C-alpha atoms as a PDB file:
ATOM      1  CA  VAL A   1    -137.536  50.228 -81.712  1.00  0.00           C
ATOM      2  CA  GLN A   2    -135.066  53.605 -81.633  1.00  0.00           C
ATOM      3  CA  LYS A   3    -136.998  57.391 -80.932  1.00  0.00           C
ATOM      4  CA  MET A   4    -134.978  59.189 -82.638  1.00  0.00           C
ATOM      5  CA  ARG A   5    -134.954  62.735 -81.329  1.00  0.00           C
ATOM      6  CA  HIS A   6    -133.579  66.130 -82.347  1.00  0.00           C
ATOM      7  CA  SER A   7    -129.868  66.202 -81.853  1.00  0.00           C
ATOM      8  CA  GLU A   8    -126.839  67.670 -83.085  1.00  0.00           C
ATOM      9  CA  LYS A   9    -124.465  64.478 -82.592  1.00  0.00           C
ATOM     10  CA  LEU A  10    -125.969  60.952 -82.538  1.00  0.00           C
ATOM     11  CA  ILE A  11    -124.462  59.149 -79.820  1.00  0.00           C
ATOM     12  CA  ARG A  12    -123.131  55.872 -81.083  1.00  0.00           C
ATOM     13  CA  SER A  13    -123.098  52.351 -78.687  1.00  0.00           C
ATOM     14  CA  ILE A  14    -119.513  51.599 -79.585  1.00  0.00           C
ATOM     15  CA  ILE A  15    -116.759  54.218 -79.515  1.00  0.00           C
ATOM     16  CA  SER A  16    -113.622  52.960 -81.223  1.00  0.00           C
ATOM     17  CA  GLY A  17    -110.843  54.812 -82.448  1.00  0.00           C
ATOM     18  CA  LYS A  18    -107.310  55.892 -81.234  1.00  0.00           C
ATOM     19  CA  GLU A  19    -107.935  58.805 -80.059  1.00  0.00           C
ATOM     20  CA  PHE A  20    -110.324  56.931 -77.144  1.00  0.00           C
ATOM     21  CA  THR A  21    -107.477  54.536 -76.173  1.00  0.00           C
ATOM     22  CA  SER A  22    -106.182  54.384 -72.704  1.00  0.00           C
ATOM     23  CA  ARG A  23    -102.912  54.481 -74.339  1.00  0.00           C
ATOM     24  CA  ARG A  24    -103.769  58.021 -75.647  1.00  0.00           C
ATOM     25  CA  GLY A  25    -104.995  59.383 -72.059  1.00  0.00           C
ATOM     26  CA  THR A  26    -101.241  57.868 -70.681  1.00  0.00           C
ATOM     27  CA  ALA A  27     -99.666  59.771 -73.629  1.00  0.00           C
ATOM     28  CA  GLU A  28    -101.302  62.736 -73.022  1.00  0.00           C
ATOM     29  CA  THR A  29    -100.779  62.862 -69.542  1.00  0.00           C
ATOM     30  CA  GLU A  30     -96.468  61.948 -69.651  1.00  0.00           C
ATOM     31  CA  GLU A  31     -96.348  65.033 -72.382  1.00  0.00           C
ATOM     32  CA  LEU A  32     -98.504  67.711 -70.299  1.00  0.00           C
ATOM     33  CA  MET A  33     -96.643  66.541 -67.140  1.00  0.00           C
ATOM     34  CA  GLN A  34     -93.153  65.923 -68.773  1.00  0.00           C
ATOM     35  CA  GLY A  35     -93.424  62.526 -66.883  1.00  0.00           C
ATOM     36  CA  LYS A  36     -95.386  59.354 -66.271  1.00  0.00           C
ATOM     37  CA  LEU A  37     -96.782  60.391 -63.009  1.00  0.00           C
ATOM     38  CA  PHE A  38    -100.002  58.867 -63.515  1.00  0.00           C
ATOM     39  CA  SER A  39    -101.329  55.197 -64.373  1.00  0.00           C
ATOM     40  CA  PHE A  40    -103.757  54.868 -67.122  1.00  0.00           C
ATOM     41  CA  PRO A  41    -106.126  58.491 -66.728  1.00  0.00           C
ATOM     42  CA  LYS A  42    -109.046  58.787 -69.026  1.00  0.00           C
ATOM     43  CA  PRO A  43    -107.900  59.771 -72.522  1.00  0.00           C
ATOM     44  CA  ILE A  44    -109.134  63.830 -72.766  1.00  0.00           C
ATOM     45  CA  LYS A  45    -111.131  63.274 -76.208  1.00  0.00           C
ATOM     46  CA  LEU A  46    -113.516  60.487 -74.800  1.00  0.00           C
ATOM     47  CA  ILE A  47    -114.199  62.943 -71.830  1.00  0.00           C
ATOM     48  CA  GLN A  48    -114.627  65.651 -74.145  1.00  0.00           C
ATOM     49  CA  ASN A  49    -117.482  63.447 -76.517  1.00  0.00           C
ATOM     50  CA  PHE A  50    -119.635  62.934 -73.527  1.00  0.00           C
ATOM     51  CA  ILE A  51    -119.733  66.599 -72.218  1.00  0.00           C
ATOM     52  CA  GLU A  52    -120.323  67.355 -76.214  1.00  0.00           C
ATOM     53  CA  ILE A  53    -123.213  64.994 -76.371  1.00  0.00           C
ATOM     54  CA  ALA A  54    -124.694  65.299 -72.786  1.00  0.00           C
ATOM     55  CA  THR A  55    -124.563  69.038 -71.801  1.00  0.00           C
ATOM     56  CA  GLU A  56    -125.600  72.057 -72.182  1.00  0.00           C
ATOM     57  CA  SER A  57    -123.151  75.237 -72.868  1.00  0.00           C
ATOM     58  CA  ASP A  58    -123.792  76.061 -68.698  1.00  0.00           C
ATOM     59  CA  SER A  59    -123.568  72.440 -67.300  1.00  0.00           C
ATOM     60  CA  VAL A  60    -121.841  71.482 -64.286  1.00  0.00           C
ATOM     61  CA  ILE A  61    -119.481  68.508 -64.815  1.00  0.00           C
ATOM     62  CA  LEU A  62    -119.308  66.776 -61.714  1.00  0.00           C
ATOM     63  CA  ASP A  63    -116.283  63.620 -61.304  1.00  0.00           C
ATOM     64  CA  PHE A  64    -116.541  61.937 -57.924  1.00  0.00           C
ATOM     65  CA  PHE A  65    -113.582  59.866 -58.807  1.00  0.00           C
ATOM     66  CA  SER A  66    -111.613  62.323 -60.461  1.00  0.00           C
ATOM     67  CA  GLY A  67    -108.341  60.992 -60.178  1.00  0.00           C
ATOM     68  CA  SER A  68    -105.669  62.597 -62.529  1.00  0.00           C
ATOM     69  CA  GLY A  69    -108.156  65.939 -63.643  1.00  0.00           C
ATOM     70  CA  THR A  70    -109.013  65.021 -66.930  1.00  0.00           C
ATOM     71  CA  THR A  71    -112.417  65.726 -66.636  1.00  0.00           C
ATOM     72  CA  ALA A  72    -111.791  69.457 -65.632  1.00  0.00           C
ATOM     73  CA  GLU A  73    -109.154  69.364 -68.977  1.00  0.00           C
ATOM     74  CA  ALA A  74    -112.297  68.092 -70.881  1.00  0.00           C
ATOM     75  CA  VAL A  75    -114.530  70.528 -70.033  1.00  0.00           C
ATOM     76  CA  MET A  76    -112.089  73.642 -70.988  1.00  0.00           C
ATOM     77  CA  LYS A  77    -110.997  72.331 -74.032  1.00  0.00           C
ATOM     78  CA  GLN A  78    -115.006  71.837 -74.797  1.00  0.00           C
ATOM     79  CA  ASN A  79    -115.715  75.494 -73.390  1.00  0.00           C
ATOM     80  CA  SER A  80    -112.545  76.713 -75.514  1.00  0.00           C
ATOM     81  CA  SER A  81    -114.266  74.798 -78.900  1.00  0.00           C
ATOM     82  CA  ASP A  82    -117.606  76.336 -78.678  1.00  0.00           C
ATOM     83  CA  LYS A  83    -117.616  78.906 -76.631  1.00  0.00           C
ATOM     84  CA  GLY A  84    -119.123  77.274 -73.539  1.00  0.00           C
ATOM     85  CA  ASN A  85    -119.429  78.620 -69.702  1.00  0.00           C
ATOM     86  CA  ARG A  86    -119.237  74.665 -68.268  1.00  0.00           C
ATOM     87  CA  LYS A  87    -118.138  74.444 -64.730  1.00  0.00           C
ATOM     88  CA  TYR A  88    -116.312  71.246 -63.163  1.00  0.00           C
ATOM     89  CA  ILE A  89    -115.989  69.641 -59.657  1.00  0.00           C
ATOM     90  CA  MET A  90    -113.538  67.476 -59.061  1.00  0.00           C
ATOM     91  CA  VAL A  91    -113.931  64.489 -55.757  1.00  0.00           C
ATOM     92  CA  GLN A  92    -110.797  62.461 -54.885  1.00  0.00           C
ATOM     93  CA  LEU A  93    -109.652  61.422 -52.182  1.00  0.00           C
ATOM     94  CA  PRO A  94    -105.750  61.757 -50.974  1.00  0.00           C
ATOM     95  CA  GLU A  95    -104.385  59.187 -51.732  1.00  0.00           C
ATOM     96  CA  LYS A  96    -100.588  58.722 -50.761  1.00  0.00           C
ATOM     97  CA  LEU A  97     -98.187  57.755 -53.720  1.00  0.00           C
ATOM     98  CA  ASP A  98     -95.706  55.192 -53.272  1.00  0.00           C
ATOM     99  CA  LYS A  99     -92.691  56.777 -52.600  1.00  0.00           C
ATOM    100  CA  GLU A 100     -91.219  54.394 -55.537  1.00  0.00           C
ATOM    101  CA  THR A 101     -93.217  56.246 -58.139  1.00  0.00           C
ATOM    102  CA  GLU A 102     -91.943  58.492 -60.389  1.00  0.00           C
ATOM    103  CA  ALA A 103     -94.738  60.921 -59.256  1.00  0.00           C
ATOM    104  CA  TYR A 104     -93.178  60.638 -55.481  1.00  0.00           C
ATOM    105  CA  LYS A 105     -89.786  61.548 -56.457  1.00  0.00           C
ATOM    106  CA  ASP A 106     -90.932  64.273 -58.316  1.00  0.00           C
ATOM    107  CA  SER A 107     -92.343  65.873 -54.782  1.00  0.00           C
ATOM    108  CA  PHE A 108     -96.356  64.932 -55.500  1.00  0.00           C
ATOM    109  CA  ARG A 109     -97.420  63.562 -52.597  1.00  0.00           C
ATOM    110  CA  THR A 110    -100.811  62.426 -52.997  1.00  0.00           C
ATOM    111  CA  ILE A 111    -103.484  62.103 -56.011  1.00  0.00           C
ATOM    112  CA  PRO A 112    -104.943  65.401 -55.901  1.00  0.00           C
ATOM    113  CA  ASP A 113    -101.376  66.922 -56.068  1.00  0.00           C
ATOM    114  CA  ILE A 114    -101.041  65.854 -58.969  1.00  0.00           C
ATOM    115  CA  ALA A 115    -104.467  66.818 -60.305  1.00  0.00           C
ATOM    116  CA  GLU A 116    -104.073  69.974 -59.217  1.00  0.00           C
ATOM    117  CA  LYS A 117    -100.809  70.726 -61.248  1.00  0.00           C
ATOM    118  CA  ARG A 118    -102.425  69.171 -64.305  1.00  0.00           C
ATOM    119  CA  ILE A 119    -105.084  71.449 -64.375  1.00  0.00           C
ATOM    120  CA  ASP A 120    -103.077  74.467 -64.019  1.00  0.00           C
ATOM    121  CA  ARG A 121    -100.771  73.463 -66.283  1.00  0.00           C
ATOM    122  CA  ALA A 122    -103.653  72.026 -69.166  1.00  0.00           C
ATOM    123  CA  GLY A 123    -105.368  75.913 -68.434  1.00  0.00           C
ATOM    124  CA  ASP A 124    -102.680  77.589 -69.810  1.00  0.00           C
ATOM    125  CA  ASP A 125    -102.206  75.259 -72.471  1.00  0.00           C
ATOM    126  CA  ILE A 126    -106.010  75.249 -74.027  1.00  0.00           C
ATOM    127  CA  ARG A 127    -105.980  79.573 -73.552  1.00  0.00           C
ATOM    128  CA  ILE A 128    -106.029  81.023 -76.566  1.00  0.00           C
ATOM    129  CA  PRO A 129    -104.577  84.596 -76.975  1.00  0.00           C
ATOM    130  CA  ASN A 130    -107.716  87.562 -77.197  1.00  0.00           C
ATOM    131  CA  GLN A 131    -110.087  84.505 -76.132  1.00  0.00           C
ATOM    132  CA  ASP A 132    -112.870  85.165 -72.743  1.00  0.00           C
ATOM    133  CA  LEU A 133    -111.599  81.104 -71.341  1.00  0.00           C
ATOM    134  CA  ASP A 134    -111.630  80.888 -67.706  1.00  0.00           C
ATOM    135  CA  ILE A 135    -109.265  78.224 -66.546  1.00  0.00           C
ATOM    136  CA  GLY A 136    -109.116  79.681 -62.863  1.00  0.00           C
ATOM    137  CA  PHE A 137    -110.016  76.938 -60.296  1.00  0.00           C
ATOM    138  CA  LYS A 138    -109.996  77.211 -56.532  1.00  0.00           C
ATOM    139  CA  VAL A 139    -108.758  73.965 -54.292  1.00  0.00           C
ATOM    140  CA  PHE A 140    -110.897  72.746 -50.636  1.00  0.00           C
ATOM    141  CA  GLU A 141    -110.207  69.873 -48.095  1.00  0.00           C
ATOM    142  CA  LEU A 142    -112.833  68.318 -46.132  1.00  0.00           C
ATOM    143  CA  ASP A 143    -111.972  69.270 -42.439  1.00  0.00           C
ATOM    144  CA  LYS A 144    -114.063  70.091 -39.298  1.00  0.00           C
ATOM    145  CA  SER A 145    -115.352  73.570 -38.454  1.00  0.00           C
ATOM    146  CA  ASN A 146    -112.911  76.322 -38.158  1.00  0.00           C
ATOM    147  CA  ILE A 147    -115.172  77.668 -34.539  1.00  0.00           C
ATOM    148  CA  LYS A 148    -114.869  75.977 -31.393  1.00  0.00           C
ATOM    149  CA  LYS A 149    -118.054  74.848 -29.720  1.00  0.00           C
ATOM    150  CA  TRP A 150    -119.532  75.497 -26.738  1.00  0.00           C
ATOM    151  CA  ASN A 151    -120.111  72.805 -24.567  1.00  0.00           C
ATOM    152  CA  SER A 152    -122.526  72.706 -21.811  1.00  0.00           C
ATOM    153  CA  ASP A 153    -120.644  70.312 -19.451  1.00  0.00           C
ATOM    154  CA  SER A 154    -119.707  71.722 -16.356  1.00  0.00           C
ATOM    155  CA  VAL A 155    -116.832  69.843 -15.959  1.00  0.00           C
ATOM    156  CA  LYS A 156    -115.152  72.009 -18.560  1.00  0.00           C
ATOM    157  CA  LEU A 157    -116.645  75.344 -17.790  1.00  0.00           C
ATOM    158  CA  ASN A 158    -112.978  77.504 -17.607  1.00  0.00           C
ATOM    159  CA  GLU A 159    -112.244  75.605 -21.049  1.00  0.00           C
ATOM    160  CA  ASN A 160    -115.831  77.239 -21.868  1.00  0.00           C
ATOM    161  CA  LEU A 161    -114.681  80.608 -20.376  1.00  0.00           C
ATOM    162  CA  ALA A 162    -111.622  80.779 -22.717  1.00  0.00           C
ATOM    163  CA  LEU A 163    -114.245  80.390 -25.660  1.00  0.00           C
ATOM    164  CA  GLN A 164    -115.611  83.751 -24.696  1.00  0.00           C
ATOM    165  CA  LEU A 165    -112.203  85.203 -25.216  1.00  0.00           C
ATOM    166  CA  ASN A 166    -111.053  83.060 -28.815  1.00  0.00           C
ATOM    167  CA  ASN A 167    -113.763  80.680 -30.132  1.00  0.00           C
ATOM    168  CA  ILE A 168    -111.142  80.524 -33.495  1.00  0.00           C
ATOM    169  CA  LYS A 169    -109.478  77.746 -33.638  1.00  0.00           C
ATOM    170  CA  SER A 170    -105.670  79.009 -33.663  1.00  0.00           C
ATOM    171  CA  ASP A 171    -104.757  76.825 -37.139  1.00  0.00           C
ATOM    172  CA  SER A 172    -107.340  78.830 -39.240  1.00  0.00           C
ATOM    173  CA  GLY A 173    -106.748  81.388 -41.737  1.00  0.00           C
ATOM    174  CA  ASP A 174    -109.249  84.200 -42.982  1.00  0.00           C
ATOM    175  CA  PHE A 175    -110.090  82.373 -46.078  1.00  0.00           C
ATOM    176  CA  ASP A 176    -111.075  79.019 -44.036  1.00  0.00           C
ATOM    177  CA  LEU A 177    -113.170  80.971 -41.977  1.00  0.00           C
ATOM    178  CA  VAL A 178    -114.435  83.292 -44.784  1.00  0.00           C
ATOM    179  CA  TYR A 179    -115.499  79.736 -46.673  1.00  0.00           C
ATOM    180  CA  GLU A 180    -117.165  78.466 -43.947  1.00  0.00           C
ATOM    181  CA  ILE A 181    -119.313  81.260 -43.607  1.00  0.00           C
ATOM    182  CA  MET A 182    -119.795  80.973 -47.772  1.00  0.00           C
ATOM    183  CA  LEU A 183    -120.685  77.331 -46.875  1.00  0.00           C
ATOM    184  CA  LYS A 184    -123.181  78.248 -43.672  1.00  0.00           C
ATOM    185  CA  GLN A 185    -124.767  80.943 -45.740  1.00  0.00           C
ATOM    186  CA  GLY A 186    -125.956  79.023 -48.724  1.00  0.00           C
ATOM    187  CA  LEU A 187    -123.279  80.663 -51.497  1.00  0.00           C
ATOM    188  CA  ASP A 188    -121.747  79.048 -53.952  1.00  0.00           C
ATOM    189  CA  LEU A 189    -117.388  78.781 -53.300  1.00  0.00           C
ATOM    190  CA  SER A 190    -116.834  79.553 -57.164  1.00  0.00           C
ATOM    191  CA  LEU A 191    -118.375  83.290 -55.785  1.00  0.00           C
ATOM    192  CA  PRO A 192    -116.148  85.836 -56.217  1.00  0.00           C
ATOM    193  CA  VAL A 193    -114.327  86.746 -53.174  1.00  0.00           C
ATOM    194  CA  GLU A 194    -112.488  90.084 -52.683  1.00  0.00           C
ATOM    195  CA  LYS A 195    -110.309  91.326 -49.735  1.00  0.00           C
ATOM    196  CA  LEU A 196    -110.361  94.777 -48.880  1.00  0.00           C
ATOM    197  CA  GLY A 197    -107.192  96.834 -47.581  1.00  0.00           C
ATOM    198  CA  VAL A 198    -107.849  97.553 -44.123  1.00  0.00           C
ATOM    199  CA  GLU A 199    -104.744  98.016 -41.108  1.00  0.00           C
ATOM    200  CA  GLY A 200    -105.185  95.480 -38.758  1.00  0.00           C
ATOM    201  CA  THR A 201    -108.727  94.319 -40.132  1.00  0.00           C
ATOM    202  CA  SER A 202    -109.634  91.791 -42.412  1.00  0.00           C
ATOM    203  CA  ILE A 203    -112.918  92.991 -45.081  1.00  0.00           C
ATOM    204  CA  PHE A 204    -114.224  90.306 -47.603  1.00  0.00           C
ATOM    205  CA  LYS A 205    -116.143  91.668 -49.810  1.00  0.00           C
ATOM    206  CA  ILE A 206    -118.628  88.211 -51.361  1.00  0.00           C
ATOM    207  CA  ALA A 207    -120.875  87.780 -54.378  1.00  0.00           C
ATOM    208  CA  PHE A 208    -120.644  91.274 -55.437  1.00  0.00           C
ATOM    209  CA  GLY A 209    -121.381  92.600 -51.938  1.00  0.00           C
ATOM    210  CA  SER A 210    -124.498  90.499 -51.262  1.00  0.00           C
ATOM    211  CA  LEU A 211    -121.996  89.045 -47.885  1.00  0.00           C
ATOM    212  CA  PHE A 212    -119.388  90.879 -45.917  1.00  0.00           C
ATOM    213  CA  ILE A 213    -116.795  88.974 -43.599  1.00  0.00           C
ATOM    214  CA  VAL A 214    -115.149  91.418 -40.950  1.00  0.00           C
ATOM    215  CA  LEU A 215    -112.269  89.488 -39.452  1.00  0.00           C
ATOM    216  CA  GLY A 216    -110.012  90.641 -37.088  1.00  0.00           C
ATOM    217  CA  GLN A 217    -108.596  91.435 -33.135  1.00  0.00           C
ATOM    218  CA  ASP A 218    -108.794  95.115 -33.618  1.00  0.00           C
ATOM    219  CA  ILE A 219    -112.494  95.728 -35.174  1.00  0.00           C
ATOM    220  CA  ARG A 220    -113.766  99.529 -35.286  1.00  0.00           C
ATOM    221  CA  SER A 221    -116.541 101.742 -36.422  1.00  0.00           C
ATOM    222  CA  SER A 222    -114.026 103.308 -38.569  1.00  0.00           C
ATOM    223  CA  ASP A 223    -113.500 100.374 -40.501  1.00  0.00           C
ATOM    224  CA  VAL A 224    -117.545  99.557 -40.861  1.00  0.00           C
ATOM    225  CA  ASN A 225    -117.243 102.743 -42.785  1.00  0.00           C
ATOM    226  CA  ILE A 226    -116.037 101.264 -46.145  1.00  0.00           C
ATOM    227  CA  ILE A 227    -119.058  98.824 -45.961  1.00  0.00           C
ATOM    228  CA  THR A 228    -121.253 101.389 -45.272  1.00  0.00           C
ATOM    229  CA  GLY A 229    -119.316 103.615 -48.336  1.00  0.00           C
ATOM    230  CA  MET A 230    -120.096 100.718 -50.965  1.00  0.00           C
ATOM    231  CA  ILE A 231    -123.494 100.195 -49.452  1.00  0.00           C
ATOM    232  CA  GLU A 232    -124.221 103.301 -50.659  1.00  0.00           C
ATOM    233  CA  ARG A 233    -122.081 104.355 -54.284  1.00  0.00           C
ATOM    234  CA  GLU A 234    -123.179 100.907 -55.397  1.00  0.00           C
ATOM    235  CA  CYS A 235    -126.578 100.678 -54.281  1.00  0.00           C
ATOM    236  CA  LEU A 236    -126.560  97.346 -52.216  1.00  0.00           C
ATOM    237  CA  GLU A 237    -129.412  95.517 -50.986  1.00  0.00           C
ATOM    238  CA  ASP A 238    -130.265  92.253 -49.038  1.00  0.00           C
ATOM    239  CA  VAL A 239    -126.824  92.802 -47.626  1.00  0.00           C
ATOM    240  CA  VAL A 240    -125.797  90.298 -44.917  1.00  0.00           C
ATOM    241  CA  ILE A 241    -122.680  91.314 -42.521  1.00  0.00           C
ATOM    242  CA  VAL A 242    -120.566  89.029 -40.359  1.00  0.00           C
ATOM    243  CA  LEU A 243    -118.543  90.156 -37.411  1.00  0.00           C
ATOM    244  CA  GLN A 244    -116.163  88.100 -35.740  1.00  0.00           C
ATOM    245  CA  ASP A 245    -117.383  89.183 -32.011  1.00  0.00           C
ATOM    246  CA  THR A 246    -113.884  88.371 -29.978  1.00  0.00           C
ATOM    247  CA  GLY A 247    -112.363  91.368 -32.058  1.00  0.00           C
ATOM    248  CA  ILE A 248    -114.525  94.156 -31.358  1.00  0.00           C
ATOM    249  CA  LYS A 249    -113.440  95.661 -28.148  1.00  0.00           C
ATOM    250  CA  ASN A 250    -116.392  96.210 -25.858  1.00  0.00           C
ATOM    251  CA  ASP A 251    -120.005  95.919 -25.829  1.00  0.00           C
ATOM    252  CA  SER A 252    -120.429  99.725 -26.373  1.00  0.00           C
ATOM    253  CA  GLU A 253    -118.073  99.714 -29.673  1.00  0.00           C
ATOM    254  CA  LYS A 254    -120.187  96.654 -31.077  1.00  0.00           C
ATOM    255  CA  LEU A 255    -123.398  98.508 -30.737  1.00  0.00           C
ATOM    256  CA  ASN A 256    -122.111 101.449 -32.571  1.00  0.00           C
ATOM    257  CA  ILE A 257    -121.434  98.847 -35.674  1.00  0.00           C
ATOM    258  CA  ILE A 258    -124.701  97.713 -35.505  1.00  0.00           C
ATOM    259  CA  GLU A 259    -126.395 100.375 -35.233  1.00  0.00           C
ATOM    260  CA  ASP A 260    -124.511 102.136 -38.142  1.00  0.00           C
ATOM    261  CA  LEU A 261    -125.071  99.590 -40.545  1.00  0.00           C
ATOM    262  CA  ASN A 262    -128.882  99.626 -39.776  1.00  0.00           C
ATOM    263  CA  ALA A 263    -128.818 103.355 -40.572  1.00  0.00           C
ATOM    264  CA  HIS A 264    -127.095 102.410 -43.918  1.00  0.00           C
ATOM    265  CA  GLY A 265    -130.123  99.625 -44.870  1.00  0.00           C
ATOM    266  CA  VAL A 266    -128.865  96.797 -42.856  1.00  0.00           C
ATOM    267  CA  GLN A 267    -131.027  94.598 -41.651  1.00  0.00           C
ATOM    268  CA  TYR A 268    -130.790  93.611 -37.937  1.00  0.00           C
ATOM    269  CA  ASP A 269    -131.310  90.380 -38.329  1.00  0.00           C
ATOM    270  CA  ASN A 270    -128.662  90.106 -41.309  1.00  0.00           C
ATOM    271  CA  ILE A 271    -126.129  91.454 -38.719  1.00  0.00           C
ATOM    272  CA  LEU A 272    -124.612  88.017 -37.781  1.00  0.00           C
ATOM    273  CA  SER A 273    -121.459  87.459 -35.071  1.00  0.00           C
ATOM    274  CA  ILE A 274    -119.235  84.110 -34.725  1.00  0.00           C
END
C-alpha cells in the first residue's frame, strides 16, 4: 500500500532519460571546464532533481564525496530556478591527480582544485543579470590549531616560556586565526567577515558585530576605540571581543583596553585573549 502525501512532484522508483546518464555528466563538465578533467561526474539534472524533490528553499545540502562539485552547481541552478536560498557543504579528500591526466597538465594537482575551479565557473555561468543569486563560496582545509599549546613538562620549560612571547604559529595568517576562533565560538563559517582598516593592527568584525577579533603586534587602546564607536552607533549587544594577548605592549595598556570595552557595555566574561 502506498500512502500518497501532499507533494508537488511524484517521486519515481526509476529515473530514466538522457539528461540523467553519466555520459551527460561527462559532457557537461567537459563543456564547462573546456577539457576532460574528471572521469564520470554525476549529471547535474540528476542531483538537481533530488534537490527539488527532497529539500526546502532554505535547506543545507551536504555532499561527503563531492568529487568535481556537481552538487554545488546543482544547488545554485535550483536556487536560480525557484529563487531559493539553499546552501551547500562539499567535502572531498585532497586526492592527488596522476601526472599523465589532462587535469594535471592543466595545472590542477588535486580533485578539490578541480572542484573549486568548476564551482567558480558554474556560478558565473548560472548568474542571470538583475537576479539576486548568491554564488559565493569559501574554501577550507582541515588543519591543526594555529595556537601553540602550553606543555607542562618541565623539560621543555624554555620552549614553554617562549610561548609567552609568541604563541601563534609562524605560518599562520590572520584569516587562519579568525576562522579558528569562529569555530571555537560556535559560529557558522558562512557568516560575513569584514576586515577594518587600521594601521599596524587587524580588526575583524564578524557576524554583523557579534564578535570582534583584534590581531597584531602593536595593539593600542586607541585601536579599540574603533570597536567601541561601532558598538554605540550600531547599538550592538552581547558583543564578544578576542584580543591577541602578545600584541598588547604591557599590562597597563591591556587593563585600559578591558576597562574601556566594559564601559561601553562589553561584559568582562566576553573579553577574551589568545
